[in-house]
C-alpha atoms as a PDB file:
ATOM      1  CA  MET A   1     -34.296  21.188  -6.418  1.00  0.00           C
ATOM      2  CA  SER A   2     -33.325  20.535 -10.033  1.00  0.00           C
ATOM      3  CA  ILE A   3     -31.802  17.384 -11.474  1.00  0.00           C
ATOM      4  CA  ILE A   4     -28.395  19.084 -11.654  1.00  0.00           C
ATOM      5  CA  GLY A   5     -28.715  20.062  -7.989  1.00  0.00           C
ATOM      6  CA  TRP A   6     -29.465  16.469  -6.989  1.00  0.00           C
ATOM      7  CA  ILE A   7     -26.516  15.181  -9.023  1.00  0.00           C
ATOM      8  CA  VAL A   8     -24.087  17.690  -7.501  1.00  0.00           C
ATOM      9  CA  LEU A   9     -25.430  17.099  -3.973  1.00  0.00           C
ATOM     10  CA  GLY A  10     -25.214  13.335  -4.544  1.00  0.00           C
ATOM     11  CA  LEU A  11     -21.667  13.509  -5.871  1.00  0.00           C
ATOM     12  CA  ILE A  12     -20.367  15.577  -2.968  1.00  0.00           C
ATOM     13  CA  ALA A  13     -22.269  13.674  -0.262  1.00  0.00           C
ATOM     14  CA  GLY A  14     -21.412  10.258  -1.725  1.00  0.00           C
ATOM     15  CA  PHE A  15     -17.744  11.124  -2.049  1.00  0.00           C
ATOM     16  CA  ILE A  16     -17.496  12.428   1.528  1.00  0.00           C
ATOM     17  CA  ALA A  17     -19.400   9.434   2.953  1.00  0.00           C
ATOM     18  CA  SER A  18     -17.284   6.922   1.041  1.00  0.00           C
ATOM     19  CA  LYS A  19     -14.103   8.670   2.235  1.00  0.00           C
ATOM     20  CA  ILE A  20     -15.328   8.461   5.836  1.00  0.00           C
ATOM     21  CA  VAL A  21     -16.376   4.802   5.692  1.00  0.00           C
ATOM     22  CA  ASN A  22     -14.012   3.265   3.100  1.00  0.00           C
ATOM     23  CA  ARG A  23     -11.094   5.730   3.080  1.00  0.00           C
ATOM     24  CA  SER A  24     -11.473   5.812  -0.724  1.00  0.00           C
ATOM     25  CA  GLY A  25     -14.082   6.976  -3.193  1.00  0.00           C
ATOM     26  CA  GLU A  26     -16.530   4.555  -4.790  1.00  0.00           C
ATOM     27  CA  GLY A  27     -16.173   6.019  -8.276  1.00  0.00           C
ATOM     28  CA  PHE A  28     -17.919   8.902 -10.013  1.00  0.00           C
ATOM     29  CA  ILE A  29     -21.250   7.234 -10.807  1.00  0.00           C
ATOM     30  CA  MET A  30     -21.450   5.217  -7.573  1.00  0.00           C
ATOM     31  CA  ASP A  31     -20.723   8.343  -5.514  1.00  0.00           C
ATOM     32  CA  ILE A  32     -23.616  10.132  -7.231  1.00  0.00           C
ATOM     33  CA  VAL A  33     -26.000   7.208  -6.708  1.00  0.00           C
ATOM     34  CA  LEU A  34     -24.818   6.735  -3.118  1.00  0.00           C
ATOM     35  CA  GLY A  35     -25.326  10.416  -2.357  1.00  0.00           C
ATOM     36  CA  ILE A  36     -28.795  10.625  -3.907  1.00  0.00           C
ATOM     37  CA  VAL A  37     -30.043   7.466  -2.209  1.00  0.00           C
ATOM     38  CA  GLY A  38     -28.291   8.628   0.966  1.00  0.00           C
ATOM     39  CA  ALA A  39     -30.234  11.907   0.779  1.00  0.00           C
ATOM     40  CA  LEU A  40     -33.492   9.968   0.587  1.00  0.00           C
ATOM     41  CA  VAL A  41     -32.525   7.651   3.468  1.00  0.00           C
ATOM     42  CA  GLY A  42     -31.140  10.537   5.521  1.00  0.00           C
ATOM     43  CA  GLY A  43     -34.317  12.544   4.922  1.00  0.00           C
ATOM     44  CA  PHE A  44     -36.401   9.621   6.142  1.00  0.00           C
ATOM     45  CA  ILE A  45     -34.207   9.180   9.241  1.00  0.00           C
ATOM     46  CA  PHE A  46     -34.205  12.897  10.085  1.00  0.00           C
ATOM     47  CA  GLN A  47     -37.988  13.135   9.645  1.00  0.00           C
ATOM     48  CA  ALA A  48     -38.443  10.119  11.926  1.00  0.00           C
ATOM     49  CA  PHE A  49     -36.655  12.100  14.642  1.00  0.00           C
ATOM     50  CA  GLY A  50     -38.734  15.226  14.013  1.00  0.00           C
ATOM     51  CA  ALA A  51     -36.198  17.236  11.990  1.00  0.00           C
ATOM     52  CA  ALA A  52     -36.533  18.420   8.407  1.00  0.00           C
ATOM     53  CA  GLY A  53     -35.209  16.255   5.582  1.00  0.00           C
ATOM     54  CA  VAL A  54     -33.496  17.617   2.486  1.00  0.00           C
ATOM     55  CA  THR A  55     -34.587  21.245   2.137  1.00  0.00           C
ATOM     56  CA  GLY A  56     -32.679  22.305  -0.972  1.00  0.00           C
ATOM     57  CA  PHE A  57     -29.064  22.779  -1.966  1.00  0.00           C
ATOM     58  CA  ASN A  58     -27.555  23.911   1.346  1.00  0.00           C
ATOM     59  CA  ILE A  59     -25.214  22.732   4.115  1.00  0.00           C
ATOM     60  CA  TYR A  60     -28.036  21.181   6.172  1.00  0.00           C
ATOM     61  CA  SER A  61     -29.184  19.060   3.227  1.00  0.00           C
ATOM     62  CA  MET A  62     -25.565  18.047   2.593  1.00  0.00           C
ATOM     63  CA  ILE A  63     -25.278  16.819   6.197  1.00  0.00           C
ATOM     64  CA  VAL A  64     -28.561  14.903   5.864  1.00  0.00           C
ATOM     65  CA  ALA A  65     -27.320  13.254   2.653  1.00  0.00           C
ATOM     66  CA  ILE A  66     -23.913  12.400   4.154  1.00  0.00           C
ATOM     67  CA  VAL A  67     -25.510  10.816   7.235  1.00  0.00           C
ATOM     68  CA  GLY A  68     -27.848   8.786   5.027  1.00  0.00           C
ATOM     69  CA  ALA A  69     -25.004   7.659   2.764  1.00  0.00           C
ATOM     70  CA  ILE A  70     -22.891   6.641   5.777  1.00  0.00           C
ATOM     71  CA  VAL A  71     -25.809   4.584   7.115  1.00  0.00           C
ATOM     72  CA  LEU A  72     -26.166   2.894   3.710  1.00  0.00           C
ATOM     73  CA  LEU A  73     -22.463   2.083   3.496  1.00  0.00           C
ATOM     74  CA  VAL A  74     -22.307   0.723   7.046  1.00  0.00           C
ATOM     75  CA  ILE A  75     -25.326  -1.520   6.396  1.00  0.00           C
ATOM     76  CA  TYR A  76     -23.843  -2.645   3.071  1.00  0.00           C
ATOM     77  CA  HIS A  77     -20.510  -3.572   4.684  1.00  0.00           C
ATOM     78  CA  ALA A  78     -22.272  -5.309   7.586  1.00  0.00           C
ATOM     79  CA  ILE A  79     -24.257  -7.502   5.187  1.00  0.00           C
ATOM     80  CA  PHE A  80     -21.703  -8.180   2.478  1.00  0.00           C
ATOM     81  CA  GLY A  81     -18.420  -7.391   4.229  1.00  0.00           C
ATOM     82  CA  ARG A  82     -15.104  -7.642   2.498  1.00  0.00           C
ATOM     83  CA  ARG A  83     -15.070 -10.800   0.435  1.00  0.00           C
ATOM     84  CA  THR A  84     -11.820 -12.447  -0.460  1.00  0.00           C
ATOM     85  CA  SER A  85     -11.292 -14.945  -3.230  1.00  0.00           C
ATOM     86  CA  MET A  86      -9.923 -18.402  -2.547  1.00  0.00           C
END
C-alpha cells in the first residue's frame, strides 16, 4: 500500500475510532497518526488470533485499523484518564 493509502486509511480509521471512544475527533493529524498506529496494533492483534492483518486498502483493513485504534484509545484513557486542573 502506498503512503497516500496509509494516510487515507489512517485518517478514516482514526476519525471513526475517536468518534466511537471520545464522541469527538482528535484533530486531523492526530486522527491520521492514531489510524496508522491503530492499523499496526490491530494487525498484530488480528494475527495473534490467526486472522490476517492489514491486507491493503479495503473494508477488512479498515476494520482492523479501527479496532486497533479503539484499543489504543481505551488504553490511553485508562492510563491517563481525564485530567482536570485545580
